[in-house]
Amino acid sequence: MWGARILFRCERPTGAFCLNIFGQTAAVLPKIAGLRLYSGWMRIWSAHPSLLDRRALIACWRESLLAQKVLRGLTRGYTNHPQLIRFRAHSQPVEAIGSYLHGLADEAQLRGYSFNRSLIAAERGKSLEPIAVTEGQLAYELSFLAHKVAGRDADWEPILTERLAKFTQVGKPAVHPVFEVVPGEIEAWEKTKEF
């Protein structure tokens, strides 16, 4: 996960990597003086949090906290990241990402995880207008999630299948509560992958 868009990366047996900044190379651990290093990859899932496997849920929490910082203007990087377009377009972007984070924390709590809600900058927006997500985008993300799960967590595959079936049975889209499904293809901002 580390280093997808970091200037320079080399594997070391210790799990550290090299970072070339201004011509200097140094061994770097994941945290330096409390500053977390992030790769260029970010995924804010449209899918309902109950569908995410452990790794996807934790990564989505971390990446959504980063998105919240970006939307609050507290970071220089990631300001034009495609995953933020739909939140930025919302009339209340910080409240929208806050509600999104609360949805992730709710699922984490159901699983016995302890996500720190004090990191969420906004209360859950009960009357927040939903963010539109196209049917094509949701279908792509669900396929992508199934592909990721198949490669890393065989125990989660039947759970994912069962939970998707439950959404289908009740006639409800398998989408995070801040989103509303609308007709359409995969979003133009999505960087699709063959799988």
Protein backbone atom coordinates (compact mmCIF):
# COMPACT_ATOMS: atom_id res chain seq x y z
CA MET A 1 0.00 0.00 0.00
CA TRP A 2 2.84 2.36 0.70
CA GLY A 3 4.45 4.39 -1.97
CA ALA A 4 2.17 4.18 -5.00
CA ARG A 5 2.87 7.83 -5.74
CA ILE A 6 5.75 8.59 -3.40
CA LEU A 7 8.79 10.01 -5.17
CA PHE A 8 10.95 6.93 -4.83
CA ARG A 9 10.42 3.56 -3.18
CA CYS A 10 12.60 0.57 -2.46
CA GLU A 11 11.72 -2.44 -0.35
CA ARG A 12 13.81 -3.21 2.72
CA PRO A 13 13.69 -6.35 4.85
CA THR A 14 12.65 -4.27 7.86
CA GLY A 15 9.44 -3.12 6.17
CA ALA A 16 10.79 0.42 5.84
CA PHE A 17 11.26 2.08 2.49
CA CYS A 18 13.49 4.73 0.99
CA LEU A 19 12.21 8.17 0.17
CA ASN A 20 14.20 10.45 -2.08
CA ILE A 21 13.48 14.09 -1.19
CA PHE A 22 15.65 16.88 -2.55
CA GLY A 23 18.33 14.37 -3.53
CA GLN A 24 18.53 12.80 -0.06
CA THR A 25 17.67 9.16 0.52
CA ALA A 26 16.69 7.99 3.98
CA ALA A 27 15.03 4.99 5.56
CA VAL A 28 11.51 5.98 6.51
CA LEU A 29 9.01 4.20 8.70
CA PRO A 30 5.25 4.61 8.26
CA LYS A 31 5.15 7.38 10.87
CA ILE A 32 7.64 10.20 11.21
CA ALA A 33 7.11 12.53 14.15
CA GLY A 34 3.37 11.79 14.10
CA LEU A 35 3.01 12.59 10.39
CA ARG A 36 1.31 9.80 8.48
CA LEU A 37 2.56 9.12 4.96
CA TYR A 38 -0.07 8.31 2.35
CA SER A 39 0.17 6.82 -1.09
CA GLY A 40 -1.71 8.35 -4.02
CA TRP A 41 -4.50 5.76 -3.80
CA MET A 42 -7.79 6.68 -2.18
CA ARG A 43 -11.10 4.80 -2.29
CA ILE A 44 -14.25 6.21 -0.72
CA TRP A 45 -16.67 3.36 -1.30
CA SER A 46 -20.24 4.03 -2.42
CA ALA A 47 -21.13 0.52 -1.24
CA HIS A 48 -22.82 0.03 2.13
CA PRO A 49 -20.20 -0.30 4.91
CA SER A 50 -21.60 -3.71 5.92
CA LEU A 51 -20.28 -5.10 2.62
CA LEU A 52 -16.68 -4.03 3.19
CA ASP A 53 -14.24 -6.61 4.46
CA ARG A 54 -12.01 -5.68 7.39
CA ARG A 55 -9.21 -4.27 5.26
CA ALA A 56 -11.55 -2.23 3.07
CA LEU A 57 -13.43 -0.84 6.07
CA ILE A 58 -10.27 0.22 7.91
CA ALA A 59 -8.66 1.66 4.77
CA CYS A 60 -11.87 3.52 3.89
CA TRP A 61 -11.99 5.01 7.41
CA ARG A 62 -8.39 6.22 7.15
CA GLU A 63 -8.81 7.55 3.61
CA SER A 64 -12.10 9.27 4.47
CA LEU A 65 -10.42 11.02 7.40
CA LEU A 66 -7.83 12.26 4.91
CA ALA A 67 -10.66 13.38 2.61
CA GLN A 68 -12.19 15.28 5.53
CA LYS A 69 -8.89 17.12 6.07
CA VAL A 70 -8.77 18.01 2.38
CA LEU A 71 -12.37 19.28 2.40
CA ARG A 72 -11.62 21.39 5.48
CA GLY A 73 -8.57 22.90 3.76
CA LEU A 74 -6.11 21.40 6.25
CA THR A 75 -3.79 19.75 3.73
CA ARG A 76 -2.06 20.74 0.53
CA GLY A 77 -2.15 17.34 -1.15
CA TYR A 78 -5.09 15.48 -2.66
CA THR A 79 -7.06 18.70 -3.26
CA ASN A 80 -8.07 17.60 -6.76
CA HIS A 81 -8.41 13.89 -6.07
CA PRO A 82 -11.24 12.41 -8.19
CA GLN A 83 -12.76 10.57 -5.21
CA LEU A 84 -13.57 13.97 -3.65
CA ILE A 85 -15.51 15.41 -6.60
CA ARG A 86 -18.93 14.28 -5.37
CA PHE A 87 -18.31 15.52 -1.82
CA ARG A 88 -16.93 18.83 -3.03
CA ALA A 89 -20.03 19.31 -5.21
CA HIS A 90 -22.32 18.88 -2.18
CA SER A 91 -23.74 22.06 -0.62
CA GLN A 92 -22.27 20.96 2.75
CA PRO A 93 -19.12 18.97 1.92
CA VAL A 94 -17.70 18.73 5.46
CA GLU A 95 -21.05 17.62 6.86
CA ALA A 96 -21.42 15.10 4.02
CA ILE A 97 -18.02 13.50 4.67
CA GLY A 98 -18.78 13.62 8.41
CA SER A 99 -22.00 11.68 7.89
CA TYR A 100 -20.10 9.26 5.67
CA LEU A 101 -17.53 8.72 8.44
CA HIS A 102 -20.29 8.16 11.02
CA GLY A 103 -21.69 5.41 8.77
CA LEU A 104 -18.29 3.70 8.73
CA ALA A 105 -17.94 4.08 12.51
CA ASP A 106 -21.42 2.56 13.00
CA GLU A 107 -20.38 -0.54 11.04
CA ALA A 108 -17.06 -0.73 12.89
CA GLN A 109 -18.90 -0.62 16.21
CA LEU A 110 -21.17 -3.49 15.11
CA ARG A 111 -18.03 -5.54 14.42
CA GLY A 112 -16.44 -4.67 17.76
CA TYR A 113 -13.88 -2.24 16.33
CA SER A 114 -13.23 1.09 17.98
CA PHE A 115 -13.05 3.91 15.42
CA ASN A 116 -12.38 7.24 17.12
CA ARG A 117 -15.46 9.36 16.41
CA SER A 118 -13.79 12.41 17.97
CA LEU A 119 -11.80 12.65 14.71
CA ILE A 120 -15.01 13.39 12.80
CA ALA A 121 -15.34 17.16 12.33
CA ALA A 122 -19.12 17.26 11.83
CA GLU A 123 -22.11 15.69 13.50
CA ARG A 124 -24.22 13.24 11.55
CA GLY A 125 -26.41 15.29 9.19
CA LYS A 126 -29.90 13.90 9.71
CA SER A 127 -31.48 16.21 7.13
CA LEU A 128 -28.49 16.20 4.79
CA GLU A 129 -29.38 15.96 1.11
CA PRO A 130 -28.09 12.68 -0.32
CA ILE A 131 -25.20 12.50 -2.76
CA ALA A 132 -26.11 10.97 -6.12
CA VAL A 133 -24.26 7.82 -7.17
CA THR A 134 -25.02 6.23 -10.53
CA GLU A 135 -26.15 2.62 -10.91
CA GLY A 136 -23.12 2.00 -13.11
CA GLN A 137 -20.73 3.41 -10.50
CA LEU A 138 -22.23 1.30 -7.73
CA ALA A 139 -22.16 -1.83 -9.91
CA TYR A 140 -18.52 -1.20 -10.80
CA GLU A 141 -17.54 -0.68 -7.16
CA LEU A 142 -19.37 -3.82 -6.04
CA SER A 143 -17.59 -5.84 -8.76
CA PHE A 144 -14.27 -4.28 -7.78
CA LEU A 145 -14.90 -5.05 -4.10
CA ALA A 146 -15.81 -8.68 -4.92
CA HIS A 147 -12.59 -8.98 -6.94
CA LYS A 148 -10.50 -7.53 -4.09
CA VAL A 149 -12.16 -9.78 -1.51
CA ALA A 150 -11.65 -12.88 -3.68
CA GLY A 151 -7.92 -12.21 -3.72
CA ARG A 152 -7.38 -11.44 -0.05
CA ASP A 153 -10.13 -12.77 2.22
CA ALA A 154 -11.78 -16.06 1.26
CA ASP A 155 -13.70 -16.06 4.56
CA TRP A 156 -15.42 -12.78 3.64
CA GLU A 157 -16.59 -13.94 0.18
CA PRO A 158 -19.67 -15.86 1.41
CA ILE A 159 -20.50 -13.04 3.84
CA LEU A 160 -20.36 -10.50 1.01
CA THR A 161 -22.57 -12.70 -1.19
CA GLU A 162 -25.09 -13.21 1.62
CA ARG A 163 -25.25 -9.50 2.49
CA LEU A 164 -25.69 -8.50 -1.16
CA ALA A 165 -28.53 -11.02 -1.43
CA LYS A 166 -30.23 -9.46 1.62
CA PHE A 167 -30.13 -6.02 0.01
CA THR A 168 -31.65 -7.52 -3.15
CA GLN A 169 -34.40 -9.32 -1.17
CA VAL A 170 -35.59 -6.13 0.49
CA GLY A 171 -35.33 -4.19 -2.77
CA LYS A 172 -32.87 -1.71 -1.31
CA PRO A 173 -29.67 -0.64 -3.09
CA ALA A 174 -26.46 -1.80 -1.41
CA VAL A 175 -25.26 1.77 -0.95
CA HIS A 176 -23.83 3.82 1.94
CA PRO A 177 -26.65 5.83 3.59
CA VAL A 178 -25.25 9.21 2.43
CA PHE A 179 -25.73 8.18 -1.20
CA GLU A 180 -28.81 7.92 -3.38
CA VAL A 181 -28.71 5.70 -6.47
CA VAL A 182 -29.63 7.37 -9.76
CA PRO A 183 -29.60 6.01 -13.32
CA GLY A 184 -26.31 6.31 -15.18
CA GLU A 185 -23.02 4.76 -16.21
CA ILE A 186 -19.73 4.61 -14.32
CA GLU A 187 -18.77 8.11 -13.20
CA ALA A 188 -16.33 9.99 -15.45
CA TRP A 189 -13.97 10.55 -12.52
CA GLU A 190 -13.60 6.82 -11.78
CA LYS A 191 -10.25 5.32 -12.73
CA THR A 192 -11.46 1.91 -13.88
CA LYS A 193 -9.32 -1.20 -13.81
CA GLU A 194 -9.59 -4.47 -15.71
CA PHE A 195 -10.21 -7.43 -13.39
